[in-house]
Amino acid sequence: MGEFIVLAVLAVIFGIIVLSAIFKVLPEYERGVVFWLGRYQEVKGPGLIIIIPLIQKLVRVSLRTVTMDVPPQEVITRDNVSVRVNAVIYFRVMAADRAVISVENYLYATSQLAQTTLRSVCGQAELDELLSERDRLNQQIQQILDRQTDPWGVKVALVEIKAIDLPEEMKRAMAKQAEAEREKRAKFIHADGEFNAAQKILEASNLLSQNPMSLQLRYLQTLTEIAAEKNSTTIFPLPIDLIRPFLEAYNKKTGQ
């Protein structure tokens, strides 16, 4: 009786193993590449798939977008500046059969290709281009990767350069350059202000010169402002134009 129970348990376990080897369930985001005695047969899934053990082999492939971080790469730019650049790439498998047959490990192959392409593209650019034209470099890297991974059935959708690490001496040099640029702009703004002020003064003087009495009124207004602000005695030379009418009247009277 005990032996019968043991055999029954073993038979159940064997049946479960056989059924699990025959029946496969693939989720919506996976496909199964089926090989018949080592030869490619077809791509199946999603859902329930029946596999003949020892004759057919199933290789699962995920179709979801993969986010892969590219490790920091040592790059020497075209203007001989050593920097460290890292990036992130987004890709997915479009053809499950080619991703299994054409390349041994498409994840590792894509990662290595991304590293070499990142060094190559960034090495052809100058430091200013790395800092200011990331969008163009991202697009260039994405196009190269997509073209190289297309035979593997992999589609590279997006590439983003994450960070650019500069040497400390380069950071100090760039800080000095930025400070010099700010000082130059400040001097330009100050000179432009001085020019505008001088131009306004010239226009005002030309306007006052057209009417001598307006100049005298401005003179008297200035005296009033000084007298209101200062309590001390201030001596101003009196313009001859102010007393000329009195002198002419006196001369006429004396002559008469």
C-alpha atoms as a PDB file:
ATOM      1  CA  MET A   1       0.000   0.000   0.000  1.00  0.00           C
ATOM      2  CA  GLY A   2       2.838   2.376   0.845  1.00  0.00           C
ATOM      3  CA  GLU A   3       4.618   1.634  -2.419  1.00  0.00           C
ATOM      4  CA  PHE A   4       1.425   2.359  -4.342  1.00  0.00           C
ATOM      5  CA  ILE A   5       1.114   5.767  -2.718  1.00  0.00           C
ATOM      6  CA  VAL A   6       4.725   6.600  -3.527  1.00  0.00           C
ATOM      7  CA  LEU A   7       4.267   5.573  -7.150  1.00  0.00           C
ATOM      8  CA  ALA A   8       1.082   7.620  -7.375  1.00  0.00           C
ATOM      9  CA  VAL A   9       2.848  10.704  -6.009  1.00  0.00           C
ATOM     10  CA  LEU A  10       5.737  10.218  -8.418  1.00  0.00           C
ATOM     11  CA  ALA A  11       3.306   9.799 -11.307  1.00  0.00           C
ATOM     12  CA  VAL A  12       1.536  13.040 -10.388  1.00  0.00           C
ATOM     13  CA  ILE A  13       4.827  14.927 -10.155  1.00  0.00           C
ATOM     14  CA  PHE A  14       5.992  13.501 -13.482  1.00  0.00           C
ATOM     15  CA  GLY A  15       2.685  14.448 -15.065  1.00  0.00           C
ATOM     16  CA  ILE A  16       2.960  18.008 -13.800  1.00  0.00           C
ATOM     17  CA  ILE A  17       6.501  18.273 -15.192  1.00  0.00           C
ATOM     18  CA  VAL A  18       5.415  16.906 -18.554  1.00  0.00           C
ATOM     19  CA  LEU A  19       2.409  19.227 -18.742  1.00  0.00           C
ATOM     20  CA  SER A  20       4.539  22.248 -17.821  1.00  0.00           C
ATOM     21  CA  ALA A  21       6.954  21.290 -20.579  1.00  0.00           C
ATOM     22  CA  ILE A  22       4.167  20.898 -23.126  1.00  0.00           C
ATOM     23  CA  PHE A  23       1.922  23.827 -22.296  1.00  0.00           C
ATOM     24  CA  LYS A  24       3.398  27.334 -22.169  1.00  0.00           C
ATOM     25  CA  VAL A  25       1.544  30.552 -21.424  1.00  0.00           C
ATOM     26  CA  LEU A  26       2.995  33.766 -22.829  1.00  0.00           C
ATOM     27  CA  PRO A  27       1.770  37.195 -21.646  1.00  0.00           C
ATOM     28  CA  GLU A  28       0.793  39.925 -24.069  1.00  0.00           C
ATOM     29  CA  TYR A  29       4.245  41.529 -24.039  1.00  0.00           C
ATOM     30  CA  GLU A  30       6.156  38.326 -24.883  1.00  0.00           C
ATOM     31  CA  ARG A  31       6.645  36.227 -27.990  1.00  0.00           C
ATOM     32  CA  GLY A  32       8.030  32.710 -28.272  1.00  0.00           C
ATOM     33  CA  VAL A  33      10.523  31.779 -30.973  1.00  0.00           C
ATOM     34  CA  VAL A  34      10.014  28.066 -31.702  1.00  0.00           C
ATOM     35  CA  PHE A  35      12.783  25.804 -33.043  1.00  0.00           C
ATOM     36  CA  TRP A  36      12.086  22.331 -34.469  1.00  0.00           C
ATOM     37  CA  LEU A  37      15.128  20.116 -33.908  1.00  0.00           C
ATOM     38  CA  GLY A  38      17.346  23.179 -33.931  1.00  0.00           C
ATOM     39  CA  ARG A  39      15.794  24.732 -37.043  1.00  0.00           C
ATOM     40  CA  TYR A  40      13.739  27.911 -36.797  1.00  0.00           C
ATOM     41  CA  GLN A  41      10.041  27.172 -37.195  1.00  0.00           C
ATOM     42  CA  GLU A  42       7.881  30.166 -36.246  1.00  0.00           C
ATOM     43  CA  VAL A  43       7.058  32.858 -33.720  1.00  0.00           C
ATOM     44  CA  LYS A  44       4.145  32.114 -31.395  1.00  0.00           C
ATOM     45  CA  GLY A  45       2.208  34.001 -28.765  1.00  0.00           C
ATOM     46  CA  PRO A  46       0.747  35.508 -26.811  1.00  0.00           C
ATOM     47  CA  GLY A  47      -1.493  33.048 -24.986  1.00  0.00           C
ATOM     48  CA  LEU A  48      -1.355  29.259 -24.653  1.00  0.00           C
ATOM     49  CA  ILE A  49       1.334  27.486 -26.679  1.00  0.00           C
ATOM     50  CA  ILE A  50       1.855  23.740 -27.071  1.00  0.00           C
ATOM     51  CA  ILE A  51       5.454  22.535 -27.320  1.00  0.00           C
ATOM     52  CA  ILE A  52       6.601  18.982 -28.037  1.00  0.00           C
ATOM     53  CA  PRO A  53       9.341  18.215 -25.514  1.00  0.00           C
ATOM     54  CA  LEU A  54      12.781  17.140 -26.825  1.00  0.00           C
ATOM     55  CA  ILE A  55      11.716  18.054 -30.370  1.00  0.00           C
ATOM     56  CA  GLN A  56      10.716  21.692 -30.090  1.00  0.00           C
ATOM     57  CA  LYS A  57      12.419  24.444 -28.123  1.00  0.00           C
ATOM     58  CA  LEU A  58      10.849  27.739 -27.077  1.00  0.00           C
ATOM     59  CA  VAL A  59      12.852  30.947 -26.548  1.00  0.00           C
ATOM     60  CA  ARG A  60      10.980  33.782 -24.854  1.00  0.00           C
ATOM     61  CA  VAL A  61      11.524  37.349 -26.067  1.00  0.00           C
ATOM     62  CA  SER A  62      10.096  40.462 -24.395  1.00  0.00           C
ATOM     63  CA  LEU A  63       8.674  43.183 -26.635  1.00  0.00           C
ATOM     64  CA  ARG A  64       8.574  45.875 -23.956  1.00  0.00           C
ATOM     65  CA  THR A  65      10.731  48.993 -24.170  1.00  0.00           C
ATOM     66  CA  VAL A  66      14.071  48.503 -22.449  1.00  0.00           C
ATOM     67  CA  THR A  67      15.708  51.387 -20.587  1.00  0.00           C
ATOM     68  CA  MET A  68      19.470  50.874 -20.601  1.00  0.00           C
ATOM     69  CA  ASP A  69      21.971  53.080 -18.827  1.00  0.00           C
ATOM     70  CA  VAL A  70      25.244  53.583 -20.690  1.00  0.00           C
ATOM     71  CA  PRO A  71      28.176  53.701 -18.229  1.00  0.00           C
ATOM     72  CA  PRO A  72      30.312  56.880 -18.186  1.00  0.00           C
ATOM     73  CA  GLN A  73      32.763  56.917 -21.065  1.00  0.00           C
ATOM     74  CA  GLU A  74      36.128  58.675 -21.238  1.00  0.00           C
ATOM     75  CA  VAL A  75      35.994  60.945 -24.279  1.00  0.00           C
ATOM     76  CA  ILE A  76      38.584  63.299 -25.776  1.00  0.00           C
ATOM     77  CA  THR A  77      36.785  65.984 -27.731  1.00  0.00           C
ATOM     78  CA  ARG A  78      37.950  67.436 -31.011  1.00  0.00           C
ATOM     79  CA  ASP A  79      39.537  70.395 -29.175  1.00  0.00           C
ATOM     80  CA  ASN A  80      41.519  67.974 -26.933  1.00  0.00           C
ATOM     81  CA  VAL A  81      39.447  68.227 -23.746  1.00  0.00           C
ATOM     82  CA  SER A  82      39.050  65.054 -21.671  1.00  0.00           C
ATOM     83  CA  VAL A  83      35.493  64.579 -20.352  1.00  0.00           C
ATOM     84  CA  ARG A  84      33.298  61.781 -19.004  1.00  0.00           C
ATOM     85  CA  VAL A  85      29.941  61.320 -20.734  1.00  0.00           C
ATOM     86  CA  ASN A  86      27.115  58.961 -19.859  1.00  0.00           C
ATOM     87  CA  ALA A  87      23.757  58.451 -21.514  1.00  0.00           C
ATOM     88  CA  VAL A  88      20.553  56.412 -21.465  1.00  0.00           C
ATOM     89  CA  ILE A  89      18.968  54.637 -24.432  1.00  0.00           C
ATOM     90  CA  TYR A  90      15.416  53.384 -24.982  1.00  0.00           C
ATOM     91  CA  PHE A  91      14.858  50.489 -27.378  1.00  0.00           C
ATOM     92  CA  ARG A  92      12.561  47.525 -27.988  1.00  0.00           C
ATOM     93  CA  VAL A  93      12.486  44.308 -29.999  1.00  0.00           C
ATOM     94  CA  MET A  94      10.434  44.593 -33.163  1.00  0.00           C
ATOM     95  CA  ALA A  95      11.253  41.163 -34.672  1.00  0.00           C
ATOM     96  CA  ALA A  96      11.607  38.410 -32.072  1.00  0.00           C
ATOM     97  CA  ASP A  97      13.025  35.869 -34.514  1.00  0.00           C
ATOM     98  CA  ARG A  98      15.898  38.126 -35.634  1.00  0.00           C
ATOM     99  CA  ALA A  99      16.656  39.127 -32.020  1.00  0.00           C
ATOM    100  CA  VAL A 100      17.274  35.446 -31.241  1.00  0.00           C
ATOM    101  CA  ILE A 101      18.839  34.215 -34.483  1.00  0.00           C
ATOM    102  CA  SER A 102      20.922  37.177 -35.678  1.00  0.00           C
ATOM    103  CA  VAL A 103      22.726  37.994 -32.427  1.00  0.00           C
ATOM    104  CA  GLU A 104      23.742  35.930 -29.402  1.00  0.00           C
ATOM    105  CA  ASN A 105      22.598  38.444 -26.760  1.00  0.00           C
ATOM    106  CA  TYR A 106      20.885  41.503 -28.141  1.00  0.00           C
ATOM    107  CA  LEU A 107      20.902  43.308 -24.759  1.00  0.00           C
ATOM    108  CA  TYR A 108      24.670  42.978 -24.335  1.00  0.00           C
ATOM    109  CA  ALA A 109      25.310  43.745 -28.009  1.00  0.00           C
ATOM    110  CA  THR A 110      23.182  46.895 -27.886  1.00  0.00           C
ATOM    111  CA  SER A 111      24.923  48.057 -24.714  1.00  0.00           C
ATOM    112  CA  GLN A 112      28.407  47.636 -26.212  1.00  0.00           C
ATOM    113  CA  LEU A 113      27.389  49.315 -29.449  1.00  0.00           C
ATOM    114  CA  ALA A 114      25.914  52.251 -27.502  1.00  0.00           C
ATOM    115  CA  GLN A 115      29.174  52.747 -25.593  1.00  0.00           C
ATOM    116  CA  THR A 116      31.369  52.778 -28.706  1.00  0.00           C
ATOM    117  CA  THR A 117      28.952  55.033 -30.603  1.00  0.00           C
ATOM    118  CA  LEU A 118      28.787  57.477 -27.687  1.00  0.00           C
ATOM    119  CA  ARG A 119      32.596  57.758 -27.594  1.00  0.00           C
ATOM    120  CA  SER A 120      32.813  58.131 -31.375  1.00  0.00           C
ATOM    121  CA  VAL A 121      30.157  60.833 -31.768  1.00  0.00           C
ATOM    122  CA  CYS A 122      31.252  62.863 -28.731  1.00  0.00           C
ATOM    123  CA  GLY A 123      34.889  62.589 -29.799  1.00  0.00           C
ATOM    124  CA  GLN A 124      34.073  64.260 -33.120  1.00  0.00           C
ATOM    125  CA  ALA A 125      32.486  67.277 -31.413  1.00  0.00           C
ATOM    126  CA  GLU A 126      34.068  70.195 -29.570  1.00  0.00           C
ATOM    127  CA  LEU A 127      33.377  70.927 -25.928  1.00  0.00           C
ATOM    128  CA  ASP A 128      31.053  73.845 -26.708  1.00  0.00           C
ATOM    129  CA  GLU A 129      29.006  71.574 -28.973  1.00  0.00           C
ATOM    130  CA  LEU A 130      28.716  68.950 -26.229  1.00  0.00           C
ATOM    131  CA  LEU A 131      27.372  71.540 -23.825  1.00  0.00           C
ATOM    132  CA  SER A 132      25.069  73.460 -26.168  1.00  0.00           C
ATOM    133  CA  GLU A 133      23.997  71.005 -28.912  1.00  0.00           C
ATOM    134  CA  ARG A 134      22.904  67.919 -26.991  1.00  0.00           C
ATOM    135  CA  ASP A 135      19.733  67.493 -29.024  1.00  0.00           C
ATOM    136  CA  ARG A 136      21.682  67.206 -32.264  1.00  0.00           C
ATOM    137  CA  LEU A 137      24.151  64.742 -30.726  1.00  0.00           C
ATOM    138  CA  ASN A 138      21.325  62.679 -29.242  1.00  0.00           C
ATOM    139  CA  GLN A 139      19.653  62.433 -32.623  1.00  0.00           C
ATOM    140  CA  GLN A 140      22.916  61.529 -34.344  1.00  0.00           C
ATOM    141  CA  ILE A 141      23.660  58.726 -31.853  1.00  0.00           C
ATOM    142  CA  GLN A 142      20.083  57.444 -32.115  1.00  0.00           C
ATOM    143  CA  GLN A 143      20.266  57.251 -35.906  1.00  0.00           C
ATOM    144  CA  ILE A 144      23.578  55.372 -35.836  1.00  0.00           C
ATOM    145  CA  LEU A 145      22.364  52.882 -33.231  1.00  0.00           C
ATOM    146  CA  ASP A 146      19.054  52.327 -35.008  1.00  0.00           C
ATOM    147  CA  ARG A 147      20.812  51.648 -38.280  1.00  0.00           C
ATOM    148  CA  GLN A 148      23.266  49.196 -36.677  1.00  0.00           C
ATOM    149  CA  THR A 149      20.668  47.306 -34.622  1.00  0.00           C
ATOM    150  CA  ASP A 150      18.074  47.005 -37.391  1.00  0.00           C
ATOM    151  CA  PRO A 151      19.463  43.604 -38.587  1.00  0.00           C
ATOM    152  CA  TRP A 152      18.904  42.331 -35.031  1.00  0.00           C
ATOM    153  CA  GLY A 153      15.232  43.317 -35.082  1.00  0.00           C
ATOM    154  CA  VAL A 154      15.842  46.026 -32.462  1.00  0.00           C
ATOM    155  CA  LYS A 155      14.449  49.546 -32.750  1.00  0.00           C
ATOM    156  CA  VAL A 156      16.287  52.337 -30.875  1.00  0.00           C
ATOM    157  CA  ALA A 157      13.658  54.953 -30.131  1.00  0.00           C
ATOM    158  CA  LEU A 158      15.511  57.533 -28.053  1.00  0.00           C
ATOM    159  CA  VAL A 159      18.987  58.449 -26.814  1.00  0.00           C
ATOM    160  CA  GLU A 160      19.632  61.053 -24.127  1.00  0.00           C
ATOM    161  CA  ILE A 161      23.013  62.278 -22.904  1.00  0.00           C
ATOM    162  CA  LYS A 162      22.571  62.474 -19.138  1.00  0.00           C
ATOM    163  CA  ALA A 163      25.684  64.209 -17.797  1.00  0.00           C
ATOM    164  CA  ILE A 164      29.023  65.603 -18.924  1.00  0.00           C
ATOM    165  CA  ASP A 165      31.700  65.652 -16.236  1.00  0.00           C
ATOM    166  CA  LEU A 166      34.460  68.211 -16.821  1.00  0.00           C
ATOM    167  CA  PRO A 167      37.920  68.354 -15.191  1.00  0.00           C
ATOM    168  CA  GLU A 168      38.240  70.782 -12.286  1.00  0.00           C
ATOM    169  CA  GLU A 169      40.682  73.041 -14.124  1.00  0.00           C
ATOM    170  CA  MET A 170      38.249  73.241 -17.048  1.00  0.00           C
ATOM    171  CA  LYS A 171      35.413  74.179 -14.682  1.00  0.00           C
ATOM    172  CA  ARG A 172      37.531  76.996 -13.214  1.00  0.00           C
ATOM    173  CA  ALA A 173      38.485  78.212 -16.685  1.00  0.00           C
ATOM    174  CA  MET A 174      34.839  78.230 -17.796  1.00  0.00           C
ATOM    175  CA  ALA A 175      33.849  80.106 -14.628  1.00  0.00           C
ATOM    176  CA  LYS A 176      36.475  82.777 -15.377  1.00  0.00           C
ATOM    177  CA  GLN A 177      35.287  82.990 -18.963  1.00  0.00           C
ATOM    178  CA  ALA A 178      31.666  83.422 -17.857  1.00  0.00           C
ATOM    179  CA  GLU A 179      32.708  86.128 -15.387  1.00  0.00           C
ATOM    180  CA  ALA A 180      34.643  87.944 -18.109  1.00  0.00           C
ATOM    181  CA  GLU A 181      31.617  87.753 -20.403  1.00  0.00           C
ATOM    182  CA  ARG A 182      29.402  89.244 -17.691  1.00  0.00           C
ATOM    183  CA  GLU A 183      31.880  92.067 -17.080  1.00  0.00           C
ATOM    184  CA  LYS A 184      32.046  92.776 -20.808  1.00  0.00           C
ATOM    185  CA  ARG A 185      28.254  92.973 -21.054  1.00  0.00           C
ATOM    186  CA  ALA A 186      28.163  95.246 -17.996  1.00  0.00           C
ATOM    187  CA  LYS A 187      30.697  97.596 -19.596  1.00  0.00           C
ATOM    188  CA  PHE A 188      28.724  97.629 -22.837  1.00  0.00           C
ATOM    189  CA  ILE A 189      25.529  98.477 -20.972  1.00  0.00           C
ATOM    190  CA  HIS A 190      27.293 101.224 -18.982  1.00  0.00           C
ATOM    191  CA  ALA A 191      28.859 102.710 -22.130  1.00  0.00           C
ATOM    192  CA  ASP A 192      25.491 102.589 -23.890  1.00  0.00           C
ATOM    193  CA  GLY A 193      23.912 104.417 -20.956  1.00  0.00           C
ATOM    194  CA  GLU A 194      26.629 107.084 -21.004  1.00  0.00           C
ATOM    195  CA  PHE A 195      26.147 107.529 -24.740  1.00  0.00           C
ATOM    196  CA  ASN A 196      22.386 107.919 -24.395  1.00  0.00           C
ATOM    197  CA  ALA A 197      22.832 110.402 -21.517  1.00  0.00           C
ATOM    198  CA  ALA A 198      25.323 112.455 -23.521  1.00  0.00           C
ATOM    199  CA  GLN A 199      22.987 112.430 -26.504  1.00  0.00           C
ATOM    200  CA  LYS A 200      20.090 113.647 -24.385  1.00  0.00           C
ATOM    201  CA  ILE A 201      22.237 116.407 -22.868  1.00  0.00           C
ATOM    202  CA  LEU A 202      23.295 117.485 -26.358  1.00  0.00           C
ATOM    203  CA  GLU A 203      19.678 117.612 -27.506  1.00  0.00           C
ATOM    204  CA  ALA A 204      18.704 119.604 -24.419  1.00  0.00           C
ATOM    205  CA  SER A 205      21.545 122.090 -24.925  1.00  0.00           C
ATOM    206  CA  ASN A 206      20.591 122.549 -28.584  1.00  0.00           C
ATOM    207  CA  LEU A 207      17.006 123.142 -27.548  1.00  0.00           C
ATOM    208  CA  LEU A 208      17.966 125.681 -24.873  1.00  0.00           C
ATOM    209  CA  SER A 209      20.334 127.497 -27.215  1.00  0.00           C
ATOM    210  CA  GLN A 210      17.435 128.326 -29.499  1.00  0.00           C
ATOM    211  CA  ASN A 211      15.886 130.535 -26.762  1.00  0.00           C
ATOM    212  CA  PRO A 212      18.274 132.383 -24.389  1.00  0.00           C
ATOM    213  CA  MET A 213      15.482 133.147 -21.913  1.00  0.00           C
ATOM    214  CA  SER A 214      14.824 129.449 -21.351  1.00  0.00           C
ATOM    215  CA  LEU A 215      18.485 129.073 -20.435  1.00  0.00           C
ATOM    216  CA  GLN A 216      18.116 131.880 -17.876  1.00  0.00           C
ATOM    217  CA  LEU A 217      15.005 130.263 -16.422  1.00  0.00           C
ATOM    218  CA  ARG A 218      16.877 126.984 -16.089  1.00  0.00           C
ATOM    219  CA  TYR A 219      19.673 128.846 -14.350  1.00  0.00           C
ATOM    220  CA  LEU A 220      17.265 130.416 -11.861  1.00  0.00           C
ATOM    221  CA  GLN A 221      15.596 127.057 -11.265  1.00  0.00           C
ATOM    222  CA  THR A 222      18.966 125.545 -10.413  1.00  0.00           C
ATOM    223  CA  LEU A 223      19.627 128.348  -7.919  1.00  0.00           C
ATOM    224  CA  THR A 224      16.245 127.678  -6.320  1.00  0.00           C
ATOM    225  CA  GLU A 225      16.969 123.970  -5.951  1.00  0.00           C
ATOM    226  CA  ILE A 226      20.383 124.627  -4.392  1.00  0.00           C
ATOM    227  CA  ALA A 227      18.967 127.183  -1.983  1.00  0.00           C
ATOM    228  CA  ALA A 228      16.274 124.742  -0.890  1.00  0.00           C
ATOM    229  CA  GLU A 229      18.754 121.916  -0.198  1.00  0.00           C
ATOM    230  CA  LYS A 230      21.654 123.898   1.293  1.00  0.00           C
ATOM    231  CA  ASN A 231      21.436 126.499   4.063  1.00  0.00           C
ATOM    232  CA  SER A 232      24.949 127.778   3.459  1.00  0.00           C
ATOM    233  CA  THR A 233      25.767 130.824   1.383  1.00  0.00           C
ATOM    234  CA  THR A 234      26.476 130.095  -2.272  1.00  0.00           C
ATOM    235  CA  ILE A 235      28.000 132.659  -4.652  1.00  0.00           C
ATOM    236  CA  PHE A 236      27.065 132.297  -8.296  1.00  0.00           C
ATOM    237  CA  PRO A 237      28.303 134.465 -11.161  1.00  0.00           C
ATOM    238  CA  LEU A 238      25.356 136.416 -12.514  1.00  0.00           C
ATOM    239  CA  PRO A 239      24.940 136.057 -16.291  1.00  0.00           C
ATOM    240  CA  ILE A 240      25.238 139.329 -18.127  1.00  0.00           C
ATOM    241  CA  ASP A 241      22.067 138.536 -20.059  1.00  0.00           C
ATOM    242  CA  LEU A 242      20.028 138.949 -16.916  1.00  0.00           C
ATOM    243  CA  ILE A 243      21.130 142.516 -16.263  1.00  0.00           C
ATOM    244  CA  ARG A 244      21.522 143.612 -19.900  1.00  0.00           C
ATOM    245  CA  PRO A 245      17.969 145.035 -20.093  1.00  0.00           C
ATOM    246  CA  PHE A 246      18.651 147.112 -16.968  1.00  0.00           C
ATOM    247  CA  LEU A 247      21.976 148.352 -18.365  1.00  0.00           C
ATOM    248  CA  GLU A 248      20.356 149.343 -21.634  1.00  0.00           C
ATOM    249  CA  ALA A 249      17.599 151.188 -19.788  1.00  0.00           C
ATOM    250  CA  TYR A 250      20.193 152.961 -17.617  1.00  0.00           C
ATOM    251  CA  ASN A 251      22.266 153.952 -20.641  1.00  0.00           C
ATOM    252  CA  LYS A 252      19.262 155.373 -22.368  1.00  0.00           C
ATOM    253  CA  LYS A 253      18.307 157.338 -19.302  1.00  0.00           C
ATOM    254  CA  THR A 254      21.837 158.640 -18.813  1.00  0.00           C
ATOM    255  CA  GLY A 255      22.109 159.591 -22.441  1.00  0.00           C
ATOM    256  CA  GLN A 256      18.907 161.566 -22.208  1.00  0.00           C
END
